[in-house]
Structure formats: structure tokens, C-alpha cells
């Protein structure tokens, strides 16, 4: 494995009355179509971790996530696809759900750890794999410089050279937005980045981007709908309406909140008439399985 092909992720316009009324155009970059389980930013954030692991002759990918983690599933699928064994430390008491079952189908060994021990990720890796030279530690969510490098490459695609005034992504740990900021500058693209934060009380996150010396981004903190993985009837109704009128599914943890945030900003006349908005649909659709009871 000397390279990983760029994911299939076309851009399509979303036609809905609320955007037409405000004279703005909304486009969706369908990163969710890149792979059923290694979709969107997960593919991009894993790319250079995988290449580095292969270059170092590593055989086992070790990583971390919650019980419904898109990252765990993406790592399990990517490991199977590119010839690695995988091990996932799962936060919390032992449970069984469709996401973890899929991880197992892809061959991932799951190990449940207490929330307290989960916070000590370096210690977990050291205690269980410290002497194993064939294992590599991949940060939760594929974070870090390698993950950001993969995300930054999105702006090298020809379709991203179009004149979008605003580019949106959902924000959890912030790694995707950091990568986007770096890629924007590296490719000399003039657009304003927007991150819709899905965590409650994460305003201090703004400080984590100051080292990038950039002022072409905005973090939106009012669309978290109560906090990470929290939801309400307004969000669920929006997801259903969006799916039934566009044919595009959104999850309730990340992308549903991002799109609801964009719709709210459009209704508030946040954007000038004639603006072109691009939203990155980064997949995460297995999160919908958490709604099934």
C-alpha cells in the first residue's frame, strides 16, 4: 500500500424553498458516499495514519472510541481493507449494539474500559501494547497532524476550486476544522470556514485554533441541541424532513445539527443574497442506529 485513492465525494446542490426565498445557494459535498463505513472525514483522517503504519511495518491499529463510535468502525473497516489487525478500546461498561457488531465483523478486537481509565489513553496503549513493536497508536477520531494532513487535501480537488463564499463542517474534537483551515491557506482559496460545534459548553475550544494565525473561520456554539449526542423533537423533525425532501440522510449527532444550524442562519439573514454555501456531509450515518429501540 503506497497510496490511498481519494474518496468519491461529489458536490450537489440542495434545492429547498427556504434557500430560494433568501436568494442563497446551498451545496452539499457528499463525503458520506466515499465508503459505507470509512466515510467522509474518517477516510481522510485515517489516510496518513495508515500510510505511516504501513511504512513502519506495523501490523495492529490500536485506537479508541465510544460504543457508537464512527471512528472505531471506520478503523475496523480500513484495517480489514488494507491488511491490518485492529484493536479498539471502548469507553464504558460492556454493551452490545449494531455498530460494535459491525466492528467485530471487520475483525476488530474490542476491549471495554472504565471511563476513568479511558481518559488515560497513552497509559492504556502502553500497558497493553507498549512492548509490542507491531502495534501503532491511532488517536481517537484520527486526530493530530496526520489526520489534519488528510483533511487539508480536500482543497486540492478541482471541484473545491469553485467560488464558495462559505464552507461549513460539524465540529467535535476540532481536527477536521484545523485541517480545513490549513488546506484553505495552502491552496490560496478565499472562503470563510464555519464550524458547527456539537458539544455543549465548548466555547474554550476557540483558543485551540489561535496557533493557526487565521481569522477566516467562525465557530458556532448555539446549535448543539443540548450537548454531544443529545437531540430534541425539532432536530429529529428536521432530519426527517430533509431526508424526505432531498433523499439525503443526516445523523443526529453531527450532520443534522450542522444543517439545522445552516438553515437557522439562513432564516436570520446571516448570509448576503447571492451567497454560495458549501456544507461537508462527513457521513456518520451509523449514528442513526442509536435511535433504533
C-alpha atoms as a PDB file:
ATOM      1  CA  UNK A   1       0.000   0.000   0.000  1.00  0.00           C
ATOM      2  CA  UNK A   2       1.912   3.002  -1.288  1.00  0.00           C
ATOM      3  CA  UNK A   3      -1.092   5.276  -1.715  1.00  0.00           C
ATOM      4  CA  UNK A   4      -4.787   5.531  -0.936  1.00  0.00           C
ATOM      5  CA  UNK A   5      -7.114   6.776  -3.655  1.00  0.00           C
ATOM      6  CA  UNK A   6      -9.067   9.949  -2.995  1.00  0.00           C
ATOM      7  CA  UNK A   7     -12.634   9.226  -1.879  1.00  0.00           C
ATOM      8  CA  UNK A   8     -15.622   9.607  -4.175  1.00  0.00           C
ATOM      9  CA  UNK A   9     -17.417  12.705  -2.910  1.00  0.00           C
ATOM     10  CA  UNK A  10     -19.361  14.728  -5.488  1.00  0.00           C
ATOM     11  CA  UNK A  11     -20.908  18.135  -4.868  1.00  0.00           C
ATOM     12  CA  UNK A  12     -24.635  18.545  -5.424  1.00  0.00           C
ATOM     13  CA  UNK A  13     -26.958  21.473  -4.958  1.00  0.00           C
ATOM     14  CA  UNK A  14     -29.758  21.240  -2.411  1.00  0.00           C
ATOM     15  CA  UNK A  15     -32.990  22.793  -3.671  1.00  0.00           C
ATOM     16  CA  UNK A  16     -35.319  23.826  -0.866  1.00  0.00           C
ATOM     17  CA  UNK A  17     -37.746  26.772  -0.655  1.00  0.00           C
ATOM     18  CA  UNK A  18     -36.084  28.389   2.380  1.00  0.00           C
ATOM     19  CA  UNK A  19     -32.835  28.853   0.464  1.00  0.00           C
ATOM     20  CA  UNK A  20     -34.534  30.108  -2.680  1.00  0.00           C
ATOM     21  CA  UNK A  21     -36.537  32.630  -0.665  1.00  0.00           C
ATOM     22  CA  UNK A  22     -33.362  34.094   0.829  1.00  0.00           C
ATOM     23  CA  UNK A  23     -31.579  34.001  -2.551  1.00  0.00           C
ATOM     24  CA  UNK A  24     -28.714  31.826  -1.351  1.00  0.00           C
ATOM     25  CA  UNK A  25     -27.462  28.597  -2.867  1.00  0.00           C
ATOM     26  CA  UNK A  26     -26.593  25.583  -0.733  1.00  0.00           C
ATOM     27  CA  UNK A  27     -24.348  22.806  -1.967  1.00  0.00           C
ATOM     28  CA  UNK A  28     -23.538  19.553  -0.203  1.00  0.00           C
ATOM     29  CA  UNK A  29     -20.219  17.767  -0.626  1.00  0.00           C
ATOM     30  CA  UNK A  30     -21.231  14.143  -0.347  1.00  0.00           C
ATOM     31  CA  UNK A  31     -18.311  12.830   1.662  1.00  0.00           C
ATOM     32  CA  UNK A  32     -20.812  10.299   3.027  1.00  0.00           C
ATOM     33  CA  UNK A  33     -20.663   8.494  -0.335  1.00  0.00           C
ATOM     34  CA  UNK A  34     -16.933   7.730  -0.161  1.00  0.00           C
ATOM     35  CA  UNK A  35     -17.433   4.404   1.640  1.00  0.00           C
ATOM     36  CA  UNK A  36     -20.286   2.854   3.653  1.00  0.00           C
ATOM     37  CA  UNK A  37     -18.168   2.636   6.821  1.00  0.00           C
ATOM     38  CA  UNK A  38     -14.971   4.649   6.183  1.00  0.00           C
ATOM     39  CA  UNK A  39     -16.925   7.669   5.069  1.00  0.00           C
ATOM     40  CA  UNK A  40     -16.132  11.344   4.888  1.00  0.00           C
ATOM     41  CA  UNK A  41     -13.611  12.869   7.224  1.00  0.00           C
ATOM     42  CA  UNK A  42     -12.948   9.449   8.773  1.00  0.00           C
ATOM     43  CA  UNK A  43     -11.416   8.307   5.478  1.00  0.00           C
ATOM     44  CA  UNK A  44      -9.393  11.477   5.172  1.00  0.00           C
ATOM     45  CA  UNK A  45      -8.223  11.489   8.795  1.00  0.00           C
ATOM     46  CA  UNK A  46      -7.150   7.841   8.662  1.00  0.00           C
ATOM     47  CA  UNK A  47      -5.274   8.074   5.354  1.00  0.00           C
ATOM     48  CA  UNK A  48      -1.857   9.179   6.585  1.00  0.00           C
ATOM     49  CA  UNK A  49      -2.125   7.173   9.789  1.00  0.00           C
ATOM     50  CA  UNK A  50      -2.492   4.078   7.600  1.00  0.00           C
ATOM     51  CA  UNK A  51       0.339   5.051   5.269  1.00  0.00           C
ATOM     52  CA  UNK A  52       2.631   5.757   8.230  1.00  0.00           C
ATOM     53  CA  UNK A  53       1.726   2.436   9.847  1.00  0.00           C
ATOM     54  CA  UNK A  54       2.494   0.565   6.637  1.00  0.00           C
ATOM     55  CA  UNK A  55       5.804   2.417   6.179  1.00  0.00           C
ATOM     56  CA  UNK A  56       6.788   1.445   9.743  1.00  0.00           C
ATOM     57  CA  UNK A  57       5.806  -2.192   9.145  1.00  0.00           C
ATOM     58  CA  UNK A  58       3.119  -2.049  11.818  1.00  0.00           C
ATOM     59  CA  UNK A  59       0.522  -4.800  11.859  1.00  0.00           C
ATOM     60  CA  UNK A  60      -2.007  -3.739  14.501  1.00  0.00           C
ATOM     61  CA  UNK A  61      -4.004  -0.497  14.562  1.00  0.00           C
ATOM     62  CA  UNK A  62      -4.964   0.408  18.125  1.00  0.00           C
ATOM     63  CA  UNK A  63      -7.499   3.174  18.729  1.00  0.00           C
ATOM     64  CA  UNK A  64     -10.284   4.457  20.967  1.00  0.00           C
ATOM     65  CA  UNK A  65     -13.978   5.360  20.858  1.00  0.00           C
ATOM     66  CA  UNK A  66     -17.399   5.211  22.431  1.00  0.00           C
ATOM     67  CA  UNK A  67     -19.968   2.482  21.968  1.00  0.00           C
ATOM     68  CA  UNK A  68     -21.397   4.127  18.826  1.00  0.00           C
ATOM     69  CA  UNK A  69     -18.097   5.465  17.511  1.00  0.00           C
ATOM     70  CA  UNK A  70     -17.906   6.091  13.768  1.00  0.00           C
ATOM     71  CA  UNK A  71     -14.126   6.189  14.179  1.00  0.00           C
ATOM     72  CA  UNK A  72     -13.944   2.681  15.668  1.00  0.00           C
ATOM     73  CA  UNK A  73     -15.996   1.299  12.808  1.00  0.00           C
ATOM     74  CA  UNK A  74     -14.003   3.207  10.192  1.00  0.00           C
ATOM     75  CA  UNK A  75     -10.731   1.925  11.644  1.00  0.00           C
ATOM     76  CA  UNK A  76     -12.028  -1.640  11.726  1.00  0.00           C
ATOM     77  CA  UNK A  77     -13.147  -1.446   8.087  1.00  0.00           C
ATOM     78  CA  UNK A  78      -9.957   0.304   6.947  1.00  0.00           C
ATOM     79  CA  UNK A  79      -7.819  -2.230   8.778  1.00  0.00           C
ATOM     80  CA  UNK A  80      -9.591  -5.090   7.022  1.00  0.00           C
ATOM     81  CA  UNK A  81      -9.324  -3.324   3.651  1.00  0.00           C
ATOM     82  CA  UNK A  82      -5.618  -2.549   3.915  1.00  0.00           C
ATOM     83  CA  UNK A  83      -4.323  -5.613   5.720  1.00  0.00           C
ATOM     84  CA  UNK A  84      -4.088  -4.601   9.383  1.00  0.00           C
ATOM     85  CA  UNK A  85      -5.376  -6.217  12.545  1.00  0.00           C
ATOM     86  CA  UNK A  86      -7.353  -3.808  14.711  1.00  0.00           C
ATOM     87  CA  UNK A  87      -7.941  -3.328  18.432  1.00  0.00           C
ATOM     88  CA  UNK A  88     -10.448  -0.887  19.884  1.00  0.00           C
ATOM     89  CA  UNK A  89     -10.642   0.385  23.451  1.00  0.00           C
ATOM     90  CA  UNK A  90     -14.323   1.129  24.051  1.00  0.00           C
ATOM     91  CA  UNK A  91     -15.357   3.697  26.659  1.00  0.00           C
ATOM     92  CA  UNK A  92     -17.719   2.447  29.379  1.00  0.00           C
ATOM     93  CA  UNK A  93     -19.216  -0.823  30.538  1.00  0.00           C
ATOM     94  CA  UNK A  94     -19.626  -3.711  28.136  1.00  0.00           C
ATOM     95  CA  UNK A  95     -22.578  -3.361  25.791  1.00  0.00           C
ATOM     96  CA  UNK A  96     -23.764  -4.852  22.531  1.00  0.00           C
ATOM     97  CA  UNK A  97     -25.073  -2.787  19.633  1.00  0.00           C
ATOM     98  CA  UNK A  98     -25.100  -2.841  15.810  1.00  0.00           C
ATOM     99  CA  UNK A  99     -22.026  -0.583  15.473  1.00  0.00           C
ATOM    100  CA  UNK A 100     -19.850  -2.748  17.702  1.00  0.00           C
ATOM    101  CA  UNK A 101     -21.177  -5.845  15.955  1.00  0.00           C
ATOM    102  CA  UNK A 102     -20.005  -4.386  12.633  1.00  0.00           C
ATOM    103  CA  UNK A 103     -16.604  -3.683  14.184  1.00  0.00           C
ATOM    104  CA  UNK A 104     -16.352  -7.334  15.145  1.00  0.00           C
ATOM    105  CA  UNK A 105     -17.392  -8.455  11.672  1.00  0.00           C
ATOM    106  CA  UNK A 106     -14.439  -6.484  10.299  1.00  0.00           C
ATOM    107  CA  UNK A 107     -12.200  -8.329  12.744  1.00  0.00           C
ATOM    108  CA  UNK A 108     -11.675  -5.701  15.427  1.00  0.00           C
ATOM    109  CA  UNK A 109     -10.879  -6.915  18.930  1.00  0.00           C
ATOM    110  CA  UNK A 110     -12.910  -4.850  21.384  1.00  0.00           C
ATOM    111  CA  UNK A 111     -11.854  -4.099  24.935  1.00  0.00           C
ATOM    112  CA  UNK A 112     -14.196  -2.206  27.255  1.00  0.00           C
ATOM    113  CA  UNK A 113     -12.577   0.084  29.813  1.00  0.00           C
ATOM    114  CA  UNK A 114     -13.963   2.304  32.547  1.00  0.00           C
ATOM    115  CA  UNK A 115     -14.495   5.968  31.759  1.00  0.00           C
ATOM    116  CA  UNK A 116     -11.750   6.835  34.228  1.00  0.00           C
ATOM    117  CA  UNK A 117      -9.199   4.561  32.576  1.00  0.00           C
ATOM    118  CA  UNK A 118     -10.354   5.693  29.148  1.00  0.00           C
ATOM    119  CA  UNK A 119      -9.140   9.209  29.907  1.00  0.00           C
ATOM    120  CA  UNK A 120      -5.600   7.803  30.230  1.00  0.00           C
ATOM    121  CA  UNK A 121      -5.266   6.692  26.622  1.00  0.00           C
ATOM    122  CA  UNK A 122      -1.477   6.762  26.474  1.00  0.00           C
ATOM    123  CA  UNK A 123      -1.312   4.609  29.593  1.00  0.00           C
ATOM    124  CA  UNK A 124      -3.826   2.161  28.147  1.00  0.00           C
ATOM    125  CA  UNK A 125      -1.785   1.749  24.992  1.00  0.00           C
ATOM    126  CA  UNK A 126       1.461   1.479  26.955  1.00  0.00           C
ATOM    127  CA  UNK A 127       0.078  -1.071  29.414  1.00  0.00           C
ATOM    128  CA  UNK A 128      -1.347  -3.368  26.747  1.00  0.00           C
ATOM    129  CA  UNK A 129       0.862  -2.753  23.716  1.00  0.00           C
ATOM    130  CA  UNK A 130       3.944  -0.926  24.973  1.00  0.00           C
ATOM    131  CA  UNK A 131       6.301  -3.821  24.246  1.00  0.00           C
ATOM    132  CA  UNK A 132       4.582  -4.803  21.006  1.00  0.00           C
ATOM    133  CA  UNK A 133       6.580  -3.248  18.186  1.00  0.00           C
ATOM    134  CA  UNK A 134       3.948  -4.266  15.639  1.00  0.00           C
ATOM    135  CA  UNK A 135       1.227  -2.061  17.179  1.00  0.00           C
ATOM    136  CA  UNK A 136       0.598   1.598  16.418  1.00  0.00           C
ATOM    137  CA  UNK A 137      -1.469   4.024  18.470  1.00  0.00           C
ATOM    138  CA  UNK A 138      -4.005   5.985  16.381  1.00  0.00           C
ATOM    139  CA  UNK A 139      -5.523   8.892  18.336  1.00  0.00           C
ATOM    140  CA  UNK A 140      -9.259   8.947  18.943  1.00  0.00           C
ATOM    141  CA  UNK A 141     -11.021  10.238  15.857  1.00  0.00           C
ATOM    142  CA  UNK A 142      -7.811  10.063  13.816  1.00  0.00           C
ATOM    143  CA  UNK A 143      -6.799  13.388  15.345  1.00  0.00           C
ATOM    144  CA  UNK A 144      -3.401  15.041  15.171  1.00  0.00           C
ATOM    145  CA  UNK A 145      -1.155  16.326  12.356  1.00  0.00           C
ATOM    146  CA  UNK A 146      -1.540  13.180  10.233  1.00  0.00           C
ATOM    147  CA  UNK A 147      -5.314  13.393  10.348  1.00  0.00           C
ATOM    148  CA  UNK A 148      -5.272  17.101   9.591  1.00  0.00           C
ATOM    149  CA  UNK A 149      -2.973  16.478   6.615  1.00  0.00           C
ATOM    150  CA  UNK A 150      -5.541  14.163   5.070  1.00  0.00           C
ATOM    151  CA  UNK A 151      -8.369  16.625   5.616  1.00  0.00           C
ATOM    152  CA  UNK A 152      -6.368  19.529   4.144  1.00  0.00           C
ATOM    153  CA  UNK A 153      -6.087  17.662   0.846  1.00  0.00           C
ATOM    154  CA  UNK A 154      -9.773  18.198   0.161  1.00  0.00           C
ATOM    155  CA  UNK A 155      -8.936  21.619  -1.293  1.00  0.00           C
ATOM    156  CA  UNK A 156      -6.681  20.054  -3.909  1.00  0.00           C
ATOM    157  CA  UNK A 157      -9.760  18.674  -5.647  1.00  0.00           C
ATOM    158  CA  UNK A 158     -10.830  20.595  -8.740  1.00  0.00           C
ATOM    159  CA  UNK A 159     -14.449  20.873  -7.615  1.00  0.00           C
ATOM    160  CA  UNK A 160     -13.329  22.680  -4.456  1.00  0.00           C
ATOM    161  CA  UNK A 161     -11.852  25.499  -6.541  1.00  0.00           C
ATOM    162  CA  UNK A 162     -15.322  26.877  -7.212  1.00  0.00           C
ATOM    163  CA  UNK A 163     -16.272  30.209  -5.716  1.00  0.00           C
ATOM    164  CA  UNK A 164     -17.918  29.247  -2.427  1.00  0.00           C
ATOM    165  CA  UNK A 165     -18.117  32.160  -0.007  1.00  0.00           C
ATOM    166  CA  UNK A 166     -18.880  29.934   2.996  1.00  0.00           C
ATOM    167  CA  UNK A 167     -17.820  26.370   3.837  1.00  0.00           C
ATOM    168  CA  UNK A 168     -19.378  24.502   6.763  1.00  0.00           C
ATOM    169  CA  UNK A 169     -18.409  21.417   8.741  1.00  0.00           C
ATOM    170  CA  UNK A 170     -19.575  19.903  12.009  1.00  0.00           C
ATOM    171  CA  UNK A 171     -17.076  20.056  14.880  1.00  0.00           C
ATOM    172  CA  UNK A 172     -16.430  17.510  17.613  1.00  0.00           C
ATOM    173  CA  UNK A 173     -12.753  17.388  18.573  1.00  0.00           C
ATOM    174  CA  UNK A 174     -11.870  20.108  16.074  1.00  0.00           C
ATOM    175  CA  UNK A 175      -9.407  18.091  13.986  1.00  0.00           C
ATOM    176  CA  UNK A 176     -11.403  18.389  10.775  1.00  0.00           C
ATOM    177  CA  UNK A 177     -11.725  22.162  11.065  1.00  0.00           C
ATOM    178  CA  UNK A 178      -7.997  22.523  11.757  1.00  0.00           C
ATOM    179  CA  UNK A 179      -7.234  20.516   8.651  1.00  0.00           C
ATOM    180  CA  UNK A 180      -9.637  22.612   6.596  1.00  0.00           C
ATOM    181  CA  UNK A 181      -8.049  25.847   7.788  1.00  0.00           C
ATOM    182  CA  UNK A 182      -4.590  24.553   6.820  1.00  0.00           C
ATOM    183  CA  UNK A 183      -5.810  23.342   3.434  1.00  0.00           C
ATOM    184  CA  UNK A 184      -7.555  26.613   2.678  1.00  0.00           C
ATOM    185  CA  UNK A 185      -4.343  28.566   3.176  1.00  0.00           C
ATOM    186  CA  UNK A 186      -2.123  26.063   1.383  1.00  0.00           C
ATOM    187  CA  UNK A 187      -4.309  26.260  -1.725  1.00  0.00           C
ATOM    188  CA  UNK A 188      -4.911  30.028  -1.562  1.00  0.00           C
ATOM    189  CA  UNK A 189      -8.676  29.646  -1.559  1.00  0.00           C
ATOM    190  CA  UNK A 190     -10.755  32.588  -0.375  1.00  0.00           C
ATOM    191  CA  UNK A 191     -13.704  31.316   1.619  1.00  0.00           C
ATOM    192  CA  UNK A 192     -14.904  31.659   5.182  1.00  0.00           C
ATOM    193  CA  UNK A 193     -14.956  28.449   7.183  1.00  0.00           C
ATOM    194  CA  UNK A 194     -17.708  27.732   9.697  1.00  0.00           C
ATOM    195  CA  UNK A 195     -17.608  25.030  12.339  1.00  0.00           C
ATOM    196  CA  UNK A 196     -20.881  23.978  13.967  1.00  0.00           C
ATOM    197  CA  UNK A 197     -19.832  22.685  17.388  1.00  0.00           C
ATOM    198  CA  UNK A 198     -21.885  19.716  18.592  1.00  0.00           C
ATOM    199  CA  UNK A 199     -20.596  19.901  22.168  1.00  0.00           C
ATOM    200  CA  UNK A 200     -22.251  21.943  24.897  1.00  0.00           C
ATOM    201  CA  UNK A 201     -20.108  24.427  26.806  1.00  0.00           C
ATOM    202  CA  UNK A 202     -17.141  24.102  24.453  1.00  0.00           C
ATOM    203  CA  UNK A 203     -16.523  27.815  23.961  1.00  0.00           C
ATOM    204  CA  UNK A 204     -12.953  27.401  25.196  1.00  0.00           C
ATOM    205  CA  UNK A 205     -12.320  25.402  22.029  1.00  0.00           C
ATOM    206  CA  UNK A 206     -11.858  28.715  20.226  1.00  0.00           C
ATOM    207  CA  UNK A 207      -8.453  29.024  21.916  1.00  0.00           C
ATOM    208  CA  UNK A 208      -7.253  25.801  20.272  1.00  0.00           C
ATOM    209  CA  UNK A 209      -7.150  27.439  16.838  1.00  0.00           C
ATOM    210  CA  UNK A 210      -5.203  30.565  17.730  1.00  0.00           C
ATOM    211  CA  UNK A 211      -1.882  28.970  16.736  1.00  0.00           C
ATOM    212  CA  UNK A 212      -3.080  28.785  13.121  1.00  0.00           C
ATOM    213  CA  UNK A 213      -2.910  32.587  12.767  1.00  0.00           C
ATOM    214  CA  UNK A 214      -6.128  32.652  10.795  1.00  0.00           C
ATOM    215  CA  UNK A 215      -9.218  34.791  11.084  1.00  0.00           C
ATOM    216  CA  UNK A 216     -11.197  33.275   8.214  1.00  0.00           C
ATOM    217  CA  UNK A 217     -13.203  30.884  10.378  1.00  0.00           C
ATOM    218  CA  UNK A 218     -16.097  31.080  12.829  1.00  0.00           C
ATOM    219  CA  UNK A 219     -17.166  28.566  15.466  1.00  0.00           C
ATOM    220  CA  UNK A 220     -20.928  28.391  16.102  1.00  0.00           C
ATOM    221  CA  UNK A 221     -21.775  27.206  19.604  1.00  0.00           C
ATOM    222  CA  UNK A 222     -25.560  27.509  19.731  1.00  0.00           C
ATOM    223  CA  UNK A 223     -26.627  24.527  17.644  1.00  0.00           C
ATOM    224  CA  UNK A 224     -25.551  21.645  19.912  1.00  0.00           C
ATOM    225  CA  UNK A 225     -29.189  20.838  20.861  1.00  0.00           C
ATOM    226  CA  UNK A 226     -28.280  20.135  24.471  1.00  0.00           C
ATOM    227  CA  UNK A 227     -24.852  18.573  24.046  1.00  0.00           C
ATOM    228  CA  UNK A 228     -22.976  15.746  22.390  1.00  0.00           C
ATOM    229  CA  UNK A 229     -25.327  13.012  21.139  1.00  0.00           C
ATOM    230  CA  UNK A 230     -28.272  14.935  22.608  1.00  0.00           C
ATOM    231  CA  UNK A 231     -31.307  15.554  20.472  1.00  0.00           C
ATOM    232  CA  UNK A 232     -34.811  17.012  20.560  1.00  0.00           C
ATOM    233  CA  UNK A 233     -38.019  16.931  18.549  1.00  0.00           C
ATOM    234  CA  UNK A 234     -37.027  19.931  16.425  1.00  0.00           C
ATOM    235  CA  UNK A 235     -33.811  18.256  15.263  1.00  0.00           C
ATOM    236  CA  UNK A 236     -35.467  14.901  14.615  1.00  0.00           C
ATOM    237  CA  UNK A 237     -38.263  16.555  12.630  1.00  0.00           C
ATOM    238  CA  UNK A 238     -35.691  18.462  10.596  1.00  0.00           C
ATOM    239  CA  UNK A 239     -33.720  15.291   9.806  1.00  0.00           C
ATOM    240  CA  UNK A 240     -36.902  13.548   8.665  1.00  0.00           C
ATOM    241  CA  UNK A 241     -37.991  16.498   6.537  1.00  0.00           C
ATOM    242  CA  UNK A 242     -34.539  16.855   4.978  1.00  0.00           C
ATOM    243  CA  UNK A 243     -34.416  13.158   4.102  1.00  0.00           C
ATOM    244  CA  UNK A 244     -37.930  13.112   2.645  1.00  0.00           C
ATOM    245  CA  UNK A 245     -37.383  16.223   0.505  1.00  0.00           C
ATOM    246  CA  UNK A 246     -33.792  15.687  -0.663  1.00  0.00           C
ATOM    247  CA  UNK A 247     -33.132  11.951  -0.440  1.00  0.00           C
ATOM    248  CA  UNK A 248     -30.140  12.656   1.802  1.00  0.00           C
ATOM    249  CA  UNK A 249     -29.857  11.144   5.275  1.00  0.00           C
ATOM    250  CA  UNK A 250     -28.326  13.133   8.136  1.00  0.00           C
ATOM    251  CA  UNK A 251     -27.292  11.748  11.500  1.00  0.00           C
ATOM    252  CA  UNK A 252     -28.483  13.310  14.742  1.00  0.00           C
ATOM    253  CA  UNK A 253     -25.030  13.643  16.350  1.00  0.00           C
ATOM    254  CA  UNK A 254     -23.139  15.724  13.790  1.00  0.00           C
ATOM    255  CA  UNK A 255     -24.540  16.495  10.366  1.00  0.00           C
ATOM    256  CA  UNK A 256     -28.151  17.037  11.364  1.00  0.00           C
ATOM    257  CA  UNK A 257     -27.035  19.757  13.794  1.00  0.00           C
ATOM    258  CA  UNK A 258     -24.792  21.329  11.170  1.00  0.00           C
ATOM    259  CA  UNK A 259     -27.563  21.515   8.584  1.00  0.00           C
ATOM    260  CA  UNK A 260     -30.129  22.765  11.108  1.00  0.00           C
ATOM    261  CA  UNK A 261     -27.608  25.451  12.072  1.00  0.00           C
ATOM    262  CA  UNK A 262     -27.194  26.497   8.447  1.00  0.00           C
ATOM    263  CA  UNK A 263     -30.961  26.680   7.956  1.00  0.00           C
ATOM    264  CA  UNK A 264     -31.278  28.815  11.090  1.00  0.00           C
ATOM    265  CA  UNK A 265     -28.560  31.205   9.919  1.00  0.00           C
ATOM    266  CA  UNK A 266     -30.183  31.495   6.503  1.00  0.00           C
ATOM    267  CA  UNK A 267     -33.533  32.329   8.133  1.00  0.00           C
ATOM    268  CA  UNK A 268     -31.778  35.011  10.224  1.00  0.00           C
ATOM    269  CA  UNK A 269     -30.326  36.631   7.070  1.00  0.00           C
ATOM    270  CA  UNK A 270     -26.789  35.791   8.187  1.00  0.00           C
ATOM    271  CA  UNK A 271     -25.707  35.436   4.541  1.00  0.00           C
ATOM    272  CA  UNK A 272     -25.840  38.069   1.840  1.00  0.00           C
ATOM    273  CA  UNK A 273     -28.232  37.378  -1.067  1.00  0.00           C
ATOM    274  CA  UNK A 274     -26.371  35.546  -3.812  1.00  0.00           C
ATOM    275  CA  UNK A 275     -24.073  33.696  -1.402  1.00  0.00           C
ATOM    276  CA  UNK A 276     -22.904  30.202  -2.280  1.00  0.00           C
ATOM    277  CA  UNK A 277     -22.639  27.901   0.738  1.00  0.00           C
ATOM    278  CA  UNK A 278     -20.908  24.533   0.762  1.00  0.00           C
ATOM    279  CA  UNK A 279     -21.563  22.062   3.578  1.00  0.00           C
ATOM    280  CA  UNK A 280     -19.383  18.987   4.056  1.00  0.00           C
ATOM    281  CA  UNK A 281     -21.505  15.920   4.731  1.00  0.00           C
ATOM    282  CA  UNK A 282     -18.987  13.792   6.592  1.00  0.00           C
ATOM    283  CA  UNK A 283     -21.099  10.678   6.892  1.00  0.00           C
ATOM    284  CA  UNK A 284     -21.515   9.286  10.383  1.00  0.00           C
ATOM    285  CA  UNK A 285     -24.805   7.711   9.411  1.00  0.00           C
ATOM    286  CA  UNK A 286     -24.286   4.674  11.628  1.00  0.00           C
ATOM    287  CA  UNK A 287     -25.125   7.106  14.425  1.00  0.00           C
ATOM    288  CA  UNK A 288     -28.742   6.749  13.329  1.00  0.00           C
ATOM    289  CA  UNK A 289     -28.635   3.209  14.650  1.00  0.00           C
ATOM    290  CA  UNK A 290     -28.520   4.671  18.146  1.00  0.00           C
ATOM    291  CA  UNK A 291     -32.080   5.936  17.622  1.00  0.00           C
ATOM    292  CA  UNK A 292     -33.446   2.464  16.984  1.00  0.00           C
ATOM    293  CA  UNK A 293     -35.014   0.935  20.050  1.00  0.00           C
END
